[in-house]
Amino acid sequence: MRISALLSAVAFSTLLTGCYTLQPVTGGVVPSAGEEVAFDITDAGRLALGGMIGPEIGQIEGRLVSKENGDYVMSVFAIHYLRGGEQVWTGERVTLKQDWVSSAYEKKFSRGRSLALAAVGVGGFTAFLVTRSLVGGGTEGSTPEPVPSTSLIRP
C-alpha cells in the first residue's frame, strides 16, 4: 500500500511540474500582459537590436509586461540565436517594435508531454524499487532454526 502511494505521489508531482510548449498565436491576437511569450525577430529587428543583444537573434522569449503604442515590452528570459545556441537572461526589459516581430508564440501546458513524463517517472521509480529489493517478499517475523551442534567429545 505504501508503494502505490509513493508511485501516485511521483506521478502527481510530475504532472504538477508539467511540460510546456510554445504554441503559435492564432488570429493575430497578442497574448495579454503577464503571459509567457516568444517572438521571432525579423531582419529589421535584428538590425535594430544588434547593438544591444547581438546580430543573430532568432527569437526572444520572456514575459509580456505590456503592449504600448504597438510596441511589446518584455521581461526577457532567453535569447535564441539563428545558428543555434541560447543566452539566458534574468528578466531584463526589452522593447520590441511590432515591425520587428514576424511570429508570436505563447507558452501553453502540454497535457500529452506531461503524461508521458509522469509515465517515465513512475516507470523509473518502479524499476528503482524492484532492483533494490525494497519491495516486500521476505520472511519478516520468522526466526531461524537453530543449527544442531556436532561437537565430539573423545574420552
N, C-alpha and C. Protein backbone atom coordinates (compact mmCIF):
# COMPACT_ATOMS: atom_id res chain seq x y z
N MET A 1 0.82 -1.20 0.00
CA MET A 1 0.00 0.00 0.00
C MET A 1 0.87 1.26 0.00
N ARG A 2 1.96 1.22 0.73
CA ARG A 2 2.85 2.38 0.78
C ARG A 2 3.47 2.66 -0.58
N ILE A 3 3.82 1.61 -1.29
CA ILE A 3 4.48 1.76 -2.58
C ILE A 3 3.52 2.41 -3.58
N SER A 4 2.27 2.01 -3.60
CA SER A 4 1.33 2.62 -4.54
C SER A 4 1.11 4.09 -4.21
N ALA A 5 1.13 4.44 -2.94
CA ALA A 5 1.01 5.84 -2.56
C ALA A 5 2.23 6.63 -3.02
N LEU A 6 3.42 6.02 -2.91
CA LEU A 6 4.64 6.67 -3.37
C LEU A 6 4.62 6.86 -4.88
N LEU A 7 4.18 5.85 -5.62
CA LEU A 7 4.08 5.95 -7.07
C LEU A 7 3.10 7.04 -7.47
N SER A 8 1.98 7.11 -6.77
CA SER A 8 0.99 8.15 -7.05
C SER A 8 1.57 9.53 -6.79
N ALA A 9 2.35 9.67 -5.74
CA ALA A 9 2.97 10.95 -5.41
C ALA A 9 3.96 11.36 -6.49
N VAL A 10 4.74 10.40 -7.00
CA VAL A 10 5.70 10.70 -8.07
C VAL A 10 4.96 11.16 -9.33
N ALA A 11 3.90 10.44 -9.70
CA ALA A 11 3.13 10.81 -10.89
C ALA A 11 2.48 12.18 -10.72
N PHE A 12 1.90 12.44 -9.56
CA PHE A 12 1.22 13.70 -9.32
C PHE A 12 2.19 14.88 -9.33
N SER A 13 3.36 14.70 -8.71
CA SER A 13 4.34 15.79 -8.69
C SER A 13 4.87 16.07 -10.10
N THR A 14 5.01 15.03 -10.91
CA THR A 14 5.44 15.23 -12.29
C THR A 14 4.40 16.01 -13.07
N LEU A 15 3.12 15.69 -12.85
CA LEU A 15 2.05 16.42 -13.54
C LEU A 15 1.99 17.88 -13.09
N LEU A 16 2.28 18.12 -11.81
CA LEU A 16 2.28 19.50 -11.32
C LEU A 16 3.40 20.30 -11.98
N THR A 17 4.55 19.67 -12.12
CA THR A 17 5.66 20.33 -12.79
C THR A 17 5.29 20.55 -14.25
N GLY A 18 4.86 19.50 -14.88
CA GLY A 18 4.35 19.57 -16.24
C GLY A 18 5.35 19.99 -17.30
N CYS A 19 4.92 19.86 -18.51
CA CYS A 19 5.70 20.27 -19.66
C CYS A 19 4.93 21.37 -20.38
N TYR A 20 5.65 22.36 -20.80
CA TYR A 20 5.05 23.47 -21.53
C TYR A 20 5.70 23.57 -22.90
N THR A 21 4.91 23.98 -23.88
CA THR A 21 5.44 24.18 -25.22
C THR A 21 4.99 25.55 -25.73
N LEU A 22 5.75 26.07 -26.67
CA LEU A 22 5.38 27.33 -27.30
C LEU A 22 4.44 27.02 -28.46
N GLN A 23 3.24 27.59 -28.41
CA GLN A 23 2.23 27.41 -29.44
C GLN A 23 2.04 28.72 -30.20
N PRO A 24 1.96 28.66 -31.53
CA PRO A 24 1.75 29.90 -32.29
C PRO A 24 0.45 30.59 -31.90
N VAL A 25 0.51 31.90 -31.82
CA VAL A 25 -0.68 32.69 -31.53
C VAL A 25 -1.50 32.74 -32.82
N THR A 26 -2.77 32.37 -32.73
CA THR A 26 -3.62 32.32 -33.92
C THR A 26 -4.52 33.55 -33.99
N GLY A 27 -4.86 33.93 -35.18
CA GLY A 27 -5.79 35.04 -35.39
C GLY A 27 -5.20 36.40 -35.13
N GLY A 28 -3.89 36.50 -35.01
CA GLY A 28 -3.27 37.81 -34.79
C GLY A 28 -3.51 38.39 -33.42
N VAL A 29 -4.09 37.63 -32.51
CA VAL A 29 -4.37 38.12 -31.16
C VAL A 29 -3.10 37.98 -30.32
N VAL A 30 -2.65 39.07 -29.76
CA VAL A 30 -1.45 39.06 -28.93
C VAL A 30 -1.83 38.66 -27.51
N PRO A 31 -1.05 37.79 -26.89
CA PRO A 31 -1.35 37.40 -25.51
C PRO A 31 -1.40 38.62 -24.60
N SER A 32 -2.08 38.47 -23.48
CA SER A 32 -2.21 39.59 -22.55
C SER A 32 -0.97 39.72 -21.68
N ALA A 33 -0.85 40.87 -21.05
CA ALA A 33 0.29 41.14 -20.16
C ALA A 33 0.34 40.08 -19.06
N GLY A 34 1.56 39.67 -18.74
CA GLY A 34 1.76 38.65 -17.71
C GLY A 34 1.94 37.25 -18.27
N GLU A 35 1.60 37.05 -19.53
CA GLU A 35 1.74 35.73 -20.18
C GLU A 35 3.19 35.53 -20.61
N GLU A 36 3.62 34.26 -20.61
CA GLU A 36 4.94 33.93 -21.14
C GLU A 36 4.81 33.76 -22.64
N VAL A 37 5.66 34.49 -23.37
CA VAL A 37 5.58 34.53 -24.83
C VAL A 37 6.97 34.40 -25.45
N ALA A 38 6.98 34.22 -26.75
CA ALA A 38 8.22 34.26 -27.54
C ALA A 38 7.89 34.95 -28.85
N PHE A 39 8.82 35.73 -29.35
CA PHE A 39 8.65 36.42 -30.61
C PHE A 39 9.81 36.08 -31.53
N ASP A 40 9.48 35.68 -32.78
CA ASP A 40 10.50 35.52 -33.80
C ASP A 40 10.84 36.92 -34.30
N ILE A 41 12.11 37.18 -34.50
CA ILE A 41 12.57 38.52 -34.86
C ILE A 41 12.86 38.61 -36.36
N THR A 42 12.42 39.70 -36.98
CA THR A 42 12.65 39.95 -38.41
C THR A 42 14.07 40.47 -38.63
N ASP A 43 14.45 40.60 -39.90
CA ASP A 43 15.77 41.16 -40.25
C ASP A 43 15.89 42.60 -39.73
N ALA A 44 14.80 43.38 -39.86
CA ALA A 44 14.82 44.76 -39.36
C ALA A 44 15.02 44.78 -37.85
N GLY A 45 14.41 43.83 -37.17
CA GLY A 45 14.58 43.73 -35.71
C GLY A 45 15.99 43.33 -35.33
N ARG A 46 16.59 42.41 -36.09
CA ARG A 46 17.98 42.01 -35.83
C ARG A 46 18.92 43.20 -36.00
N LEU A 47 18.66 43.98 -37.03
CA LEU A 47 19.49 45.16 -37.30
C LEU A 47 19.34 46.17 -36.16
N ALA A 48 18.10 46.43 -35.73
CA ALA A 48 17.85 47.42 -34.68
C ALA A 48 18.35 46.97 -33.31
N LEU A 49 18.21 45.69 -33.02
CA LEU A 49 18.60 45.17 -31.70
C LEU A 49 20.03 44.65 -31.65
N GLY A 50 20.69 44.59 -32.80
CA GLY A 50 22.03 44.01 -32.89
C GLY A 50 23.04 44.61 -31.94
N GLY A 51 23.02 45.92 -31.76
CA GLY A 51 23.98 46.57 -30.86
C GLY A 51 23.76 46.23 -29.41
N MET A 52 22.52 45.95 -29.04
CA MET A 52 22.21 45.67 -27.63
C MET A 52 22.26 44.17 -27.32
N ILE A 53 21.78 43.34 -28.25
CA ILE A 53 21.63 41.90 -27.96
C ILE A 53 22.59 41.05 -28.79
N GLY A 54 22.85 41.45 -30.00
CA GLY A 54 23.69 40.67 -30.89
C GLY A 54 23.02 40.56 -32.25
N PRO A 55 23.79 40.34 -33.30
CA PRO A 55 23.25 40.42 -34.66
C PRO A 55 22.47 39.18 -35.12
N GLU A 56 22.57 38.06 -34.44
CA GLU A 56 21.95 36.84 -34.95
C GLU A 56 20.77 36.37 -34.10
N ILE A 57 19.96 37.30 -33.66
CA ILE A 57 18.81 36.97 -32.82
C ILE A 57 17.77 36.26 -33.67
N GLY A 58 17.32 35.10 -33.23
CA GLY A 58 16.26 34.39 -33.92
C GLY A 58 14.93 34.55 -33.20
N GLN A 59 15.00 34.48 -31.87
CA GLN A 59 13.77 34.51 -31.08
C GLN A 59 14.08 35.07 -29.70
N ILE A 60 13.15 35.83 -29.17
CA ILE A 60 13.25 36.36 -27.81
C ILE A 60 12.10 35.77 -27.00
N GLU A 61 12.44 35.21 -25.85
CA GLU A 61 11.44 34.56 -25.00
C GLU A 61 11.40 35.25 -23.63
N GLY A 62 10.20 35.43 -23.11
CA GLY A 62 10.07 36.06 -21.80
C GLY A 62 8.62 36.28 -21.43
N ARG A 63 8.41 37.18 -20.47
CA ARG A 63 7.06 37.52 -20.02
C ARG A 63 6.67 38.87 -20.61
N LEU A 64 5.49 38.92 -21.19
CA LEU A 64 5.00 40.18 -21.77
C LEU A 64 4.57 41.09 -20.63
N VAL A 65 5.24 42.23 -20.51
CA VAL A 65 4.93 43.19 -19.45
C VAL A 65 3.77 44.07 -19.89
N SER A 66 3.84 44.58 -21.13
CA SER A 66 2.75 45.42 -21.64
C SER A 66 2.88 45.57 -23.14
N LYS A 67 1.82 46.10 -23.73
CA LYS A 67 1.84 46.47 -25.14
C LYS A 67 1.45 47.94 -25.19
N GLU A 68 2.42 48.77 -25.57
CA GLU A 68 2.22 50.21 -25.56
C GLU A 68 2.46 50.78 -26.95
N ASN A 69 1.45 51.39 -27.54
CA ASN A 69 1.57 52.03 -28.86
C ASN A 69 2.11 51.07 -29.92
N GLY A 70 1.69 49.83 -29.88
CA GLY A 70 2.14 48.86 -30.86
C GLY A 70 3.48 48.21 -30.53
N ASP A 71 4.13 48.65 -29.47
CA ASP A 71 5.41 48.07 -29.06
C ASP A 71 5.16 47.06 -27.94
N TYR A 72 5.96 46.01 -27.94
CA TYR A 72 5.88 45.00 -26.89
C TYR A 72 7.00 45.25 -25.88
N VAL A 73 6.63 45.35 -24.62
CA VAL A 73 7.62 45.47 -23.56
C VAL A 73 7.70 44.10 -22.88
N MET A 74 8.91 43.53 -22.89
CA MET A 74 9.10 42.17 -22.36
C MET A 74 10.12 42.15 -21.25
N SER A 75 9.92 41.21 -20.34
CA SER A 75 10.91 40.84 -19.36
C SER A 75 11.55 39.57 -19.91
N VAL A 76 12.78 39.66 -20.39
CA VAL A 76 13.39 38.59 -21.19
C VAL A 76 14.01 37.50 -20.31
N PHE A 77 13.71 36.24 -20.69
CA PHE A 77 14.28 35.06 -20.02
C PHE A 77 15.41 34.45 -20.86
N ALA A 78 15.25 34.47 -22.18
CA ALA A 78 16.23 33.82 -23.05
C ALA A 78 16.22 34.42 -24.44
N ILE A 79 17.39 34.40 -25.05
CA ILE A 79 17.56 34.79 -26.44
C ILE A 79 18.02 33.54 -27.19
N HIS A 80 17.32 33.20 -28.27
CA HIS A 80 17.69 32.04 -29.09
C HIS A 80 18.28 32.59 -30.39
N TYR A 81 19.45 32.07 -30.75
CA TYR A 81 20.16 32.57 -31.92
C TYR A 81 19.85 31.76 -33.17
N LEU A 82 20.04 32.38 -34.33
CA LEU A 82 19.72 31.75 -35.61
C LEU A 82 20.50 30.47 -35.86
N ARG A 83 21.75 30.45 -35.50
CA ARG A 83 22.59 29.28 -35.76
C ARG A 83 22.69 28.35 -34.56
N GLY A 84 21.69 28.39 -33.73
CA GLY A 84 21.69 27.56 -32.53
C GLY A 84 22.28 28.32 -31.36
N GLY A 85 22.10 27.77 -30.22
CA GLY A 85 22.60 28.41 -29.01
C GLY A 85 21.55 29.27 -28.36
N GLU A 86 21.77 29.49 -27.10
CA GLU A 86 20.81 30.24 -26.30
C GLU A 86 21.58 31.02 -25.25
N GLN A 87 21.07 32.20 -24.94
CA GLN A 87 21.65 33.00 -23.88
C GLN A 87 20.55 33.25 -22.85
N VAL A 88 20.81 32.89 -21.61
CA VAL A 88 19.82 33.05 -20.55
C VAL A 88 19.92 34.46 -19.98
N TRP A 89 18.77 35.09 -19.82
CA TRP A 89 18.69 36.42 -19.22
C TRP A 89 17.91 36.32 -17.91
N THR A 90 17.98 37.36 -17.12
CA THR A 90 17.32 37.33 -15.81
C THR A 90 16.22 38.37 -15.68
N GLY A 91 15.44 38.55 -16.72
CA GLY A 91 14.29 39.44 -16.64
C GLY A 91 14.54 40.87 -17.06
N GLU A 92 15.65 41.13 -17.76
CA GLU A 92 15.89 42.49 -18.25
C GLU A 92 14.78 42.88 -19.22
N ARG A 93 14.41 44.15 -19.19
CA ARG A 93 13.33 44.63 -20.05
C ARG A 93 13.85 45.06 -21.41
N VAL A 94 13.12 44.63 -22.42
CA VAL A 94 13.44 44.99 -23.80
C VAL A 94 12.14 45.41 -24.47
N THR A 95 12.20 46.48 -25.25
CA THR A 95 11.04 46.93 -26.01
C THR A 95 11.22 46.53 -27.46
N LEU A 96 10.20 45.85 -28.01
CA LEU A 96 10.22 45.40 -29.40
C LEU A 96 9.14 46.14 -30.18
N LYS A 97 9.51 46.72 -31.29
CA LYS A 97 8.52 47.34 -32.17
C LYS A 97 7.78 46.22 -32.91
N GLN A 98 6.54 46.46 -33.22
CA GLN A 98 5.71 45.46 -33.88
C GLN A 98 6.30 45.03 -35.22
N ASP A 99 7.00 45.94 -35.91
CA ASP A 99 7.63 45.63 -37.21
C ASP A 99 8.80 44.67 -37.05
N TRP A 100 9.34 44.53 -35.86
CA TRP A 100 10.48 43.67 -35.62
C TRP A 100 10.08 42.23 -35.35
N VAL A 101 8.77 41.98 -35.25
CA VAL A 101 8.26 40.65 -34.88
C VAL A 101 7.60 40.00 -36.09
N SER A 102 8.04 38.78 -36.42
CA SER A 102 7.42 38.07 -37.55
C SER A 102 6.37 37.06 -37.06
N SER A 103 6.59 36.44 -35.91
CA SER A 103 5.64 35.47 -35.36
C SER A 103 5.62 35.59 -33.85
N ALA A 104 4.44 35.31 -33.28
CA ALA A 104 4.29 35.34 -31.82
C ALA A 104 3.86 33.96 -31.34
N TYR A 105 4.36 33.58 -30.17
CA TYR A 105 4.02 32.29 -29.57
C TYR A 105 3.68 32.51 -28.11
N GLU A 106 2.81 31.66 -27.58
CA GLU A 106 2.55 31.72 -26.15
C GLU A 106 2.81 30.35 -25.54
N LYS A 107 3.25 30.36 -24.30
CA LYS A 107 3.60 29.13 -23.61
C LYS A 107 2.32 28.51 -23.06
N LYS A 108 2.07 27.25 -23.46
CA LYS A 108 0.87 26.55 -23.01
C LYS A 108 1.23 25.20 -22.43
N PHE A 109 0.40 24.75 -21.51
CA PHE A 109 0.58 23.44 -20.88
C PHE A 109 0.37 22.34 -21.90
N SER A 110 1.31 21.39 -21.96
CA SER A 110 1.21 20.27 -22.88
C SER A 110 0.80 19.02 -22.11
N ARG A 111 -0.47 18.66 -22.24
CA ARG A 111 -1.01 17.53 -21.49
C ARG A 111 -0.34 16.21 -21.87
N GLY A 112 -0.16 15.98 -23.17
CA GLY A 112 0.44 14.73 -23.64
C GLY A 112 1.87 14.55 -23.14
N ARG A 113 2.67 15.60 -23.25
CA ARG A 113 4.06 15.51 -22.79
C ARG A 113 4.13 15.33 -21.28
N SER A 114 3.25 15.99 -20.56
CA SER A 114 3.25 15.86 -19.11
C SER A 114 2.87 14.44 -18.68
N LEU A 115 1.88 13.85 -19.35
CA LEU A 115 1.51 12.47 -19.03
C LEU A 115 2.63 11.50 -19.38
N ALA A 116 3.31 11.75 -20.50
CA ALA A 116 4.44 10.89 -20.87
C ALA A 116 5.56 11.01 -19.84
N LEU A 117 5.83 12.22 -19.37
CA LEU A 117 6.85 12.42 -18.35
C LEU A 117 6.47 11.72 -17.06
N ALA A 118 5.19 11.79 -16.69
CA ALA A 118 4.73 11.10 -15.48
C ALA A 118 4.90 9.59 -15.62
N ALA A 119 4.58 9.05 -16.79
CA ALA A 119 4.73 7.60 -17.01
C ALA A 119 6.19 7.18 -16.91
N VAL A 120 7.09 7.98 -17.48
CA VAL A 120 8.52 7.67 -17.39
C VAL A 120 8.98 7.76 -15.93
N GLY A 121 8.51 8.76 -15.21
CA GLY A 121 8.88 8.92 -13.80
C GLY A 121 8.43 7.75 -12.96
N VAL A 122 7.18 7.33 -13.14
CA VAL A 122 6.65 6.19 -12.39
C VAL A 122 7.40 4.91 -12.78
N GLY A 123 7.65 4.72 -14.07
CA GLY A 123 8.39 3.54 -14.52
C GLY A 123 9.79 3.50 -13.95
N GLY A 124 10.47 4.63 -13.95
CA GLY A 124 11.82 4.70 -13.40
C GLY A 124 11.84 4.44 -11.90
N PHE A 125 10.86 4.99 -11.20
CA PHE A 125 10.78 4.78 -9.76
C PHE A 125 10.48 3.32 -9.45
N THR A 126 9.60 2.71 -10.23
CA THR A 126 9.27 1.29 -10.04
C THR A 126 10.51 0.43 -10.30
N ALA A 127 11.23 0.72 -11.35
CA ALA A 127 12.45 -0.03 -11.66
C ALA A 127 13.48 0.12 -10.54
N PHE A 128 13.58 1.30 -9.97
CA PHE A 128 14.49 1.52 -8.85
C PHE A 128 14.11 0.64 -7.67
N LEU A 129 12.82 0.62 -7.35
CA LEU A 129 12.37 -0.19 -6.21
C LEU A 129 12.62 -1.68 -6.45
N VAL A 130 12.32 -2.15 -7.64
CA VAL A 130 12.47 -3.57 -7.94
C VAL A 130 13.94 -3.99 -7.91
N THR A 131 14.82 -3.18 -8.44
CA THR A 131 16.24 -3.55 -8.49
C THR A 131 16.93 -3.41 -7.15
N ARG A 132 16.32 -2.74 -6.21
CA ARG A 132 16.92 -2.56 -4.89
C ARG A 132 16.31 -3.49 -3.85
N SER A 133 15.43 -4.37 -4.26
CA SER A 133 14.76 -5.31 -3.35
C SER A 133 14.10 -4.59 -2.18
N LEU A 134 13.51 -3.43 -2.50
CA LEU A 134 12.82 -2.69 -1.46
C LEU A 134 11.36 -3.11 -1.34
N VAL A 135 10.92 -3.90 -2.29
CA VAL A 135 9.55 -4.37 -2.26
C VAL A 135 9.53 -5.64 -1.43
N GLY A 136 8.48 -5.79 -0.65
CA GLY A 136 8.37 -6.93 0.27
C GLY A 136 8.50 -8.27 -0.43
N GLY A 137 8.55 -9.30 0.34
CA GLY A 137 8.70 -10.62 -0.23
C GLY A 137 9.59 -11.48 0.66
N GLY A 138 10.02 -10.93 1.75
CA GLY A 138 10.89 -11.66 2.67
C GLY A 138 10.07 -12.46 3.67
N THR A 139 10.72 -12.92 4.70
CA THR A 139 10.06 -13.71 5.75
C THR A 139 10.13 -12.93 7.06
N GLU A 140 9.50 -11.80 7.09
CA GLU A 140 9.53 -10.95 8.26
C GLU A 140 8.87 -11.63 9.45
N GLY A 141 9.49 -11.55 10.59
CA GLY A 141 8.92 -12.10 11.81
C GLY A 141 9.29 -13.54 12.08
N SER A 142 9.87 -14.26 11.15
CA SER A 142 10.22 -15.66 11.41
C SER A 142 11.61 -15.71 12.02
N THR A 143 11.81 -16.69 12.84
CA THR A 143 13.12 -16.86 13.47
C THR A 143 13.82 -18.03 12.82
N PRO A 144 15.12 -17.91 12.65
CA PRO A 144 15.84 -19.02 12.02
C PRO A 144 15.91 -20.22 12.96
N GLU A 145 15.92 -21.40 12.37
CA GLU A 145 16.02 -22.61 13.19
C GLU A 145 17.45 -22.77 13.66
N PRO A 146 17.62 -23.27 14.89
CA PRO A 146 18.98 -23.44 15.40
C PRO A 146 19.72 -24.54 14.64
N VAL A 147 21.00 -24.35 14.48
CA VAL A 147 21.83 -25.33 13.82
C VAL A 147 22.27 -26.35 14.87
N PRO A 148 22.07 -27.65 14.57
CA PRO A 148 22.45 -28.65 15.57
C PRO A 148 23.96 -28.65 15.81
N SER A 149 24.30 -28.83 17.05
CA SER A 149 25.70 -28.84 17.43
C SER A 149 26.27 -30.23 17.17
N THR A 150 27.44 -30.32 16.60
CA THR A 150 28.04 -31.61 16.30
C THR A 150 29.42 -31.73 16.95
N SER A 151 29.49 -31.32 18.16
CA SER A 151 30.78 -31.41 18.84
C SER A 151 31.01 -32.85 19.30
N LEU A 152 32.18 -33.31 19.11
CA LEU A 152 32.55 -34.66 19.52
C LEU A 152 33.47 -34.59 20.72
N ILE A 153 33.14 -35.38 21.72
CA ILE A 153 34.00 -35.46 22.90
C ILE A 153 34.65 -36.83 22.90
N ARG A 154 35.95 -36.88 22.95
CA ARG A 154 36.66 -38.15 22.97
C ARG A 154 37.14 -38.41 24.39
N PRO A 155 37.00 -39.63 24.80
CA PRO A 155 37.47 -39.97 26.14
C PRO A 155 38.95 -40.12 26.26
